[in-house]
Structures are given as structure tokens and as C-alpha cells.
Amino acid sequence: MKNKNVVITGAGGVLCAEFARTLASAGASVALLDINPDAAESVADAIRKSGGAARAYKADVLSRESLAEAHAAVNKDFGKCDILINGAGGNSPKATTDKEYCEIGDSDSELKTFFNLDVKGVEFVFDLNILGTLLPTQVFARDMVGREGCSVLNISSMNAFTPLTKIPAYSAAKAGVSNFTKWLAVHFSRVGIRVNAIAPGFFVTAQNEKLLFDEKGAPTPRTNKILAATPMGRFGKPDELNGALMFLLSGSAASFITGVVLPVDGGFSAYSGV
């Protein structure tokens, strides 16, 4: 990663912050983009204190203008982008159902069901995950065309393989990210840009912590179901994504690998439940 300029969106989050620290420790200059500049700056400051090169930038992945401003600033500070990690994404409570299964009478229920999901909430989830991957790639991949050693890494999800209950929009959106990854890989294959994705299984983050543990820190019923369906019987640790990260970004180890979506999920996507 020495002499590589890496741009990471959603860099203030748990997983992408780990990516930033790992890449900086390997010698990369890291640009941390996040809609929450304080979160990104906190990570960047810690990297600098450890002797790495990192700067934080406020950027909205749903705004081409915001991304263009960040692009100009990154180019001024570090130079052209060599590696783009599209880490921004997420779900919305407005696009989540209260129940796993539809039952007779649900259409007239006051519960949040499939029939009354908020359209704006669903649109937000699709935009954040799909457009939030497309727009940064449009802006930063321009610098990669025709240069050696450049790549894009998208963040999909294990529920792109098998959708989870209650989160129809997020599952479908991440399936779209996986499909888009393959499309980009083909599209950029003759101009020197590799495009791959990591599909994390269950990792505890700020977004899902309240769904996985109650106020006392005890596992929720959903957590028990998740762990029962994970052959390794536990949640992943953020640093357990580093092997996949460094492998797929390596211009030597993965030089002939493009268009793959690599699950890192403790066996979740392989388990049939029997």
C-alpha cells in the first residue's frame, strides 16, 4: 500500500474506520470521507498520532457536488485516487417491518408491515446504498482510468445472497451493490481498474447494536437467531475483515481477480439451518 492514495466513504463508521487504520499502517495515504466530519476527523487524528497519513473530509455520497468538492480537496492534499472503498451505506427504521412473517389481518394493522412501509424510507435505503456507491465511483474512478494498480472495493452484505427478514429494502439494495460490482468490473476491465466487493456477515456496529442487544446488554431474540445460523457461533470482529481487504486490494496477490463478492461471515451464507 506504500505510495497509494486511498479514499474511503463512510469512514467514520466502525468497519470503515478499521479499514482506514489498517491501510494507513500499511503505508497508504488515507482520505476519510463522511457526512459526519467529526467522526471522520476522530479516526484521522488517531491515525496521524500513530504516524500515518490521513485527512478527514465532509462529503455526502448522495450529492455529486459535495463529492466533487471532496475530490478536489483530496487531489490537492494527496494526489489522484488509486483505491476507492465505497463504505457508506445502511438501513432505515422506516424501511423495516415489525414482523418477520405476514399474517392475516396485517393489512389493517397499525404495525409497520410490508403493506405500509414508508416509500421515502425505502427510497432513502436504495439511494444510500446504490447511488452512494455509484456517485463516488463516478467522481473518483476518473482518476484511475489508464493507470496501473487501481481498484474499487464495494461493501455489500451477506444478505445480498440470502435476504434477511424485516429488512426488505436493505437486502435488495445490497443485492444491487453486488450486481453493480460485477457490472463495474466488466465495464472497467480494459482500462486497468479492478472492482470487487466484501460481503460482511454480522459485526456489531453503531447502526445495529440496539437491534442486537437490549438496554442491559443482553442478547436480543434476533441475536440468538443470528448466532444459531452462524456456524462459528459468534459475531465477527472488525479486524477480521482485514485479510479480505488487503487481499482484494493487492495489485499482486489479486491481479487477476475482478468482479467477485467475498463473504466474510463465519459461514452464515453457507449454512442451510440443518
Protein backbone atom coordinates (compact mmCIF):
# COMPACT_ATOMS: atom_id res chain seq x y z
CA MET A 1 0.00 0.00 0.00
CA LYS A 2 3.00 2.32 0.05
CA ASN A 3 2.53 5.39 -2.15
CA LYS A 4 -1.14 4.53 -2.63
CA ASN A 5 -3.85 7.14 -2.13
CA VAL A 6 -6.99 5.58 -0.69
CA VAL A 7 -10.40 7.22 -0.47
CA ILE A 8 -12.93 5.69 1.93
CA THR A 9 -16.57 6.78 2.17
CA GLY A 10 -18.45 6.23 5.40
CA ALA A 11 -15.04 6.35 7.05
CA GLY A 12 -16.35 7.42 10.44
CA GLY A 13 -18.12 4.10 10.96
CA VAL A 14 -16.79 1.11 12.87
CA LEU A 15 -15.81 -1.08 9.92
CA CYS A 16 -14.52 1.64 7.62
CA ALA A 17 -12.52 3.21 10.42
CA GLU A 18 -10.81 -0.16 10.82
CA PHE A 19 -10.11 -0.20 7.07
CA ALA A 20 -8.57 3.26 7.31
CA ARG A 21 -6.30 2.33 10.22
CA THR A 22 -5.20 -0.87 8.51
CA LEU A 23 -4.38 0.77 5.19
CA ALA A 24 -2.60 3.69 6.82
CA SER A 25 -0.46 1.30 8.86
CA ALA A 26 0.46 -0.43 5.58
CA GLY A 27 1.78 2.85 4.17
CA ALA A 28 -1.21 4.30 2.30
CA SER A 29 -2.33 7.91 2.47
CA VAL A 30 -5.97 7.76 3.51
CA ALA A 31 -8.74 10.25 2.78
CA LEU A 32 -11.65 9.69 5.15
CA LEU A 33 -14.97 10.89 3.74
CA ASP A 34 -18.07 11.02 5.90
CA ILE A 35 -21.24 13.06 6.20
CA ASN A 36 -20.25 13.40 9.86
CA PRO A 37 -16.89 15.20 9.67
CA ASP A 38 -16.27 14.92 13.42
CA ALA A 39 -16.43 11.12 13.28
CA ALA A 40 -14.04 11.03 10.33
CA GLU A 41 -11.67 13.54 11.97
CA SER A 42 -11.52 11.45 15.13
CA VAL A 43 -10.28 8.46 13.13
CA ALA A 44 -7.90 10.57 11.03
CA ASP A 45 -6.42 12.20 14.12
CA ALA A 46 -5.72 8.82 15.72
CA ILE A 47 -4.03 7.64 12.52
CA ARG A 48 -1.82 10.72 12.38
CA LYS A 49 -0.83 10.29 16.02
CA SER A 50 0.28 6.77 15.13
CA GLY A 51 2.48 8.12 12.36
CA GLY A 52 0.14 7.54 9.42
CA ALA A 53 -1.05 9.91 6.71
CA ALA A 54 -4.75 10.69 6.93
CA ARG A 55 -7.15 13.59 6.49
CA ALA A 56 -10.89 13.88 7.01
CA TYR A 57 -13.35 15.45 4.59
CA LYS A 58 -17.04 16.16 4.89
CA ALA A 59 -18.86 14.52 1.98
CA ASP A 60 -22.42 13.47 1.20
CA VAL A 61 -22.34 10.39 -1.05
CA LEU A 62 -25.77 11.35 -2.41
CA SER A 63 -24.53 14.72 -3.67
CA ARG A 64 -22.31 14.90 -6.73
CA GLU A 65 -21.43 18.49 -5.83
CA SER A 66 -20.31 17.51 -2.33
CA LEU A 67 -18.25 14.65 -3.73
CA ALA A 68 -16.69 16.92 -6.35
CA GLU A 69 -15.58 19.31 -3.61
CA ALA A 70 -14.07 16.45 -1.63
CA HIS A 71 -12.40 15.13 -4.80
CA ALA A 72 -10.73 18.47 -5.44
CA ALA A 73 -9.53 18.69 -1.84
CA VAL A 74 -8.17 15.13 -1.82
CA ASN A 75 -6.32 15.70 -5.08
CA LYS A 76 -4.77 18.85 -3.66
CA ASP A 77 -3.73 17.17 -0.41
CA PHE A 78 -2.68 13.71 -1.58
CA GLY A 79 -2.90 13.49 -5.36
CA LYS A 80 -5.02 11.22 -7.54
CA CYS A 81 -7.01 8.40 -6.02
CA ASP A 82 -5.57 4.89 -6.50
CA ILE A 83 -8.11 2.95 -4.44
CA LEU A 84 -11.74 3.77 -3.66
CA ILE A 85 -13.61 1.97 -0.90
CA ASN A 86 -17.35 2.57 -1.08
CA GLY A 87 -18.17 2.01 2.58
CA ALA A 88 -21.11 4.39 3.02
CA GLY A 89 -24.43 2.58 3.33
CA GLY A 90 -27.03 1.47 5.80
CA ASN A 91 -30.67 0.84 6.60
CA SER A 92 -33.57 2.91 7.91
CA PRO A 93 -36.23 2.03 10.52
CA LYS A 94 -38.78 3.42 8.06
CA ALA A 95 -37.88 0.62 5.63
CA THR A 96 -38.07 -2.15 8.24
CA THR A 97 -41.10 -4.28 9.10
CA ASP A 98 -42.10 -5.04 12.69
CA LYS A 99 -42.83 -8.71 11.96
CA GLU A 100 -40.91 -11.42 10.15
CA TYR A 101 -43.95 -13.06 8.58
CA CYS A 102 -47.15 -11.71 7.08
CA GLU A 103 -50.30 -12.85 8.86
CA ILE A 104 -53.99 -12.49 8.08
CA GLY A 105 -55.13 -9.06 9.23
CA ASP A 106 -51.75 -7.38 8.79
CA SER A 107 -53.04 -5.17 6.01
CA ASP A 108 -55.34 -3.45 8.53
CA SER A 109 -52.82 -3.44 11.38
CA GLU A 110 -51.21 -0.39 12.96
CA LEU A 111 -47.94 -2.28 12.99
CA LYS A 112 -45.26 -1.40 10.47
CA THR A 113 -45.92 -4.06 7.85
CA PHE A 114 -44.89 -4.63 4.26
CA PHE A 115 -48.14 -3.01 3.17
CA ASN A 116 -47.49 0.33 4.83
CA LEU A 117 -43.70 0.67 4.56
CA ASP A 118 -42.77 4.30 4.12
CA VAL A 119 -41.87 4.89 0.46
CA LYS A 120 -39.48 7.67 1.34
CA GLY A 121 -37.72 5.36 3.77
CA VAL A 122 -37.33 2.69 1.10
CA GLU A 123 -36.07 5.27 -1.38
CA PHE A 124 -33.51 6.51 1.14
CA VAL A 125 -32.13 2.99 1.67
CA PHE A 126 -31.87 2.36 -2.05
CA ASP A 127 -30.28 5.74 -2.68
CA LEU A 128 -27.79 5.45 0.18
CA ASN A 129 -26.56 2.01 -0.87
CA ILE A 130 -26.87 2.14 -4.67
CA LEU A 131 -26.35 5.81 -5.52
CA GLY A 132 -23.97 6.05 -2.57
CA THR A 133 -21.80 3.55 -4.41
CA LEU A 134 -22.37 4.82 -7.94
CA LEU A 135 -21.73 8.54 -7.39
CA PRO A 136 -18.37 8.27 -5.57
CA THR A 137 -17.22 5.83 -8.25
CA GLN A 138 -18.18 8.27 -10.98
CA VAL A 139 -16.22 11.04 -9.27
CA PHE A 140 -13.08 9.23 -8.11
CA ALA A 141 -12.65 6.45 -10.71
CA ARG A 142 -12.00 9.13 -13.36
CA ASP A 143 -8.52 9.44 -11.84
CA MET A 144 -7.90 5.70 -12.16
CA VAL A 145 -8.57 5.17 -15.86
CA GLY A 146 -5.45 4.00 -17.66
CA ARG A 147 -3.28 3.84 -14.53
CA GLU A 148 -1.78 0.68 -13.05
CA GLY A 149 -2.66 -0.72 -9.65
CA CYS A 150 -6.03 0.97 -9.24
CA SER A 151 -9.13 -0.67 -7.84
CA VAL A 152 -12.57 -0.11 -6.34
CA LEU A 153 -13.82 -2.09 -3.35
CA ASN A 154 -17.54 -2.02 -2.59
CA ILE A 155 -19.15 -3.12 0.66
CA SER A 156 -22.03 -5.48 0.07
CA SER A 157 -23.55 -7.79 2.70
CA MET A 158 -24.22 -11.45 3.32
CA ASN A 159 -27.92 -10.69 2.98
CA ALA A 160 -27.26 -9.93 -0.66
CA PHE A 161 -27.02 -13.72 -1.01
CA THR A 162 -30.00 -14.59 1.19
CA PRO A 163 -32.31 -11.76 2.30
CA LEU A 164 -32.95 -11.28 6.00
CA THR A 165 -36.43 -10.94 7.43
CA LYS A 166 -37.73 -7.48 8.34
CA ILE A 167 -35.29 -5.54 6.11
CA PRO A 168 -36.54 -5.90 2.52
CA ALA A 169 -35.12 -2.63 1.22
CA TYR A 170 -31.65 -3.12 2.68
CA SER A 171 -31.44 -6.72 1.47
CA ALA A 172 -32.50 -5.76 -2.05
CA ALA A 173 -30.21 -2.74 -2.09
CA LYS A 174 -27.15 -4.77 -1.07
CA ALA A 175 -28.01 -7.36 -3.72
CA GLY A 176 -27.92 -4.41 -6.10
CA VAL A 177 -24.47 -3.43 -4.82
CA SER A 178 -23.21 -6.95 -5.55
CA ASN A 179 -24.69 -6.89 -9.04
CA PHE A 180 -23.33 -3.40 -9.67
CA THR A 181 -19.88 -4.55 -8.54
CA LYS A 182 -19.88 -7.19 -11.27
CA TRP A 183 -21.12 -4.68 -13.84
CA LEU A 184 -18.36 -2.23 -12.95
CA ALA A 185 -15.75 -4.99 -13.06
CA VAL A 186 -16.64 -5.76 -16.66
CA HIS A 187 -17.01 -2.11 -17.65
CA PHE A 188 -13.58 -1.11 -16.28
CA SER A 189 -11.75 -4.33 -17.19
CA ARG A 190 -9.91 -2.83 -20.16
CA VAL A 191 -8.75 0.40 -18.54
CA GLY A 192 -6.85 -1.12 -15.62
CA ILE A 193 -9.39 -0.85 -12.81
CA ARG A 194 -10.32 -3.94 -10.80
CA VAL A 195 -13.65 -3.88 -8.94
CA ASN A 196 -14.56 -6.29 -6.15
CA ALA A 197 -16.68 -6.36 -3.01
CA ILE A 198 -16.61 -7.69 0.53
CA ALA A 199 -19.85 -9.08 1.95
CA PRO A 200 -19.57 -8.87 5.75
CA GLY A 201 -21.70 -11.11 7.89
CA PHE A 202 -22.76 -9.94 11.33
CA PHE A 203 -20.48 -7.42 13.01
CA VAL A 204 -21.61 -5.22 15.89
CA THR A 205 -21.71 -1.58 14.76
CA ALA A 206 -23.32 1.64 15.91
CA GLN A 207 -26.15 1.07 13.43
CA ASN A 208 -27.20 -2.37 14.61
CA GLU A 209 -26.12 -2.51 18.26
CA LYS A 210 -29.58 -1.67 19.62
CA LEU A 211 -31.11 -4.41 17.48
CA LEU A 212 -28.65 -6.99 18.76
CA PHE A 213 -28.54 -6.15 22.47
CA ASP A 214 -31.12 -4.78 24.91
CA GLU A 215 -30.60 -1.88 27.30
CA LYS A 216 -28.89 -4.19 29.80
CA GLY A 217 -26.51 -5.58 27.19
CA ALA A 218 -28.23 -8.94 26.95
CA PRO A 219 -28.65 -10.55 23.51
CA THR A 220 -32.00 -9.94 21.85
CA PRO A 221 -34.06 -12.80 20.35
CA ARG A 222 -32.81 -11.72 16.91
CA THR A 223 -29.22 -12.09 18.09
CA ASN A 224 -29.94 -15.61 19.26
CA LYS A 225 -31.34 -16.48 15.83
CA ILE A 226 -28.33 -14.93 14.08
CA LEU A 227 -25.81 -16.83 16.15
CA ALA A 228 -27.76 -20.07 15.77
CA ALA A 229 -27.48 -19.61 11.99
CA THR A 230 -23.78 -18.76 12.10
CA PRO A 231 -21.70 -21.96 12.17
CA MET A 232 -18.85 -20.24 14.02
CA GLY A 233 -21.38 -19.18 16.69
CA ARG A 234 -20.27 -15.58 17.21
CA PHE A 235 -20.19 -12.10 15.72
CA GLY A 236 -17.24 -11.05 13.61
CA LYS A 237 -14.59 -8.66 14.86
CA PRO A 238 -13.79 -5.63 12.66
CA ASP A 239 -10.16 -6.66 12.20
CA GLU A 240 -11.32 -9.99 10.78
CA LEU A 241 -12.19 -8.14 7.57
CA ASN A 242 -8.59 -7.02 7.12
CA GLY A 243 -7.42 -10.18 5.36
CA ALA A 244 -10.10 -9.90 2.69
CA LEU A 245 -9.47 -6.15 2.44
CA MET A 246 -5.73 -6.42 1.87
CA PHE A 247 -6.04 -9.42 -0.44
CA LEU A 248 -8.58 -7.86 -2.79
CA LEU A 249 -6.73 -4.53 -2.90
CA SER A 250 -3.36 -6.13 -3.57
CA GLY A 251 -2.16 -5.44 -7.08
CA SER A 252 -0.02 -8.58 -6.98
CA ALA A 253 -1.98 -11.15 -4.95
CA ALA A 254 -5.29 -10.31 -6.65
CA SER A 255 -4.05 -9.02 -10.01
CA PHE A 256 -6.35 -11.37 -11.96
CA ILE A 257 -9.35 -11.07 -9.63
CA THR A 258 -12.19 -8.74 -10.51
CA GLY A 259 -15.95 -8.94 -10.15
CA VAL A 260 -16.01 -11.14 -7.04
CA VAL A 261 -18.09 -10.67 -3.89
CA LEU A 262 -16.25 -12.28 -0.99
CA PRO A 263 -18.33 -13.27 2.07
CA VAL A 264 -16.70 -12.83 5.47
CA ASP A 265 -19.50 -14.16 7.62
CA GLY A 266 -18.45 -17.08 9.82
CA GLY A 267 -20.24 -19.47 7.47
CA PHE A 268 -23.66 -17.78 7.64
CA SER A 269 -24.22 -17.78 3.87
CA ALA A 270 -23.16 -21.44 3.63
CA TYR A 271 -25.47 -22.79 6.34
CA SER A 272 -28.86 -24.24 5.43
CA GLY A 273 -30.05 -24.41 9.02
CA VAL A 274 -29.92 -28.19 9.07
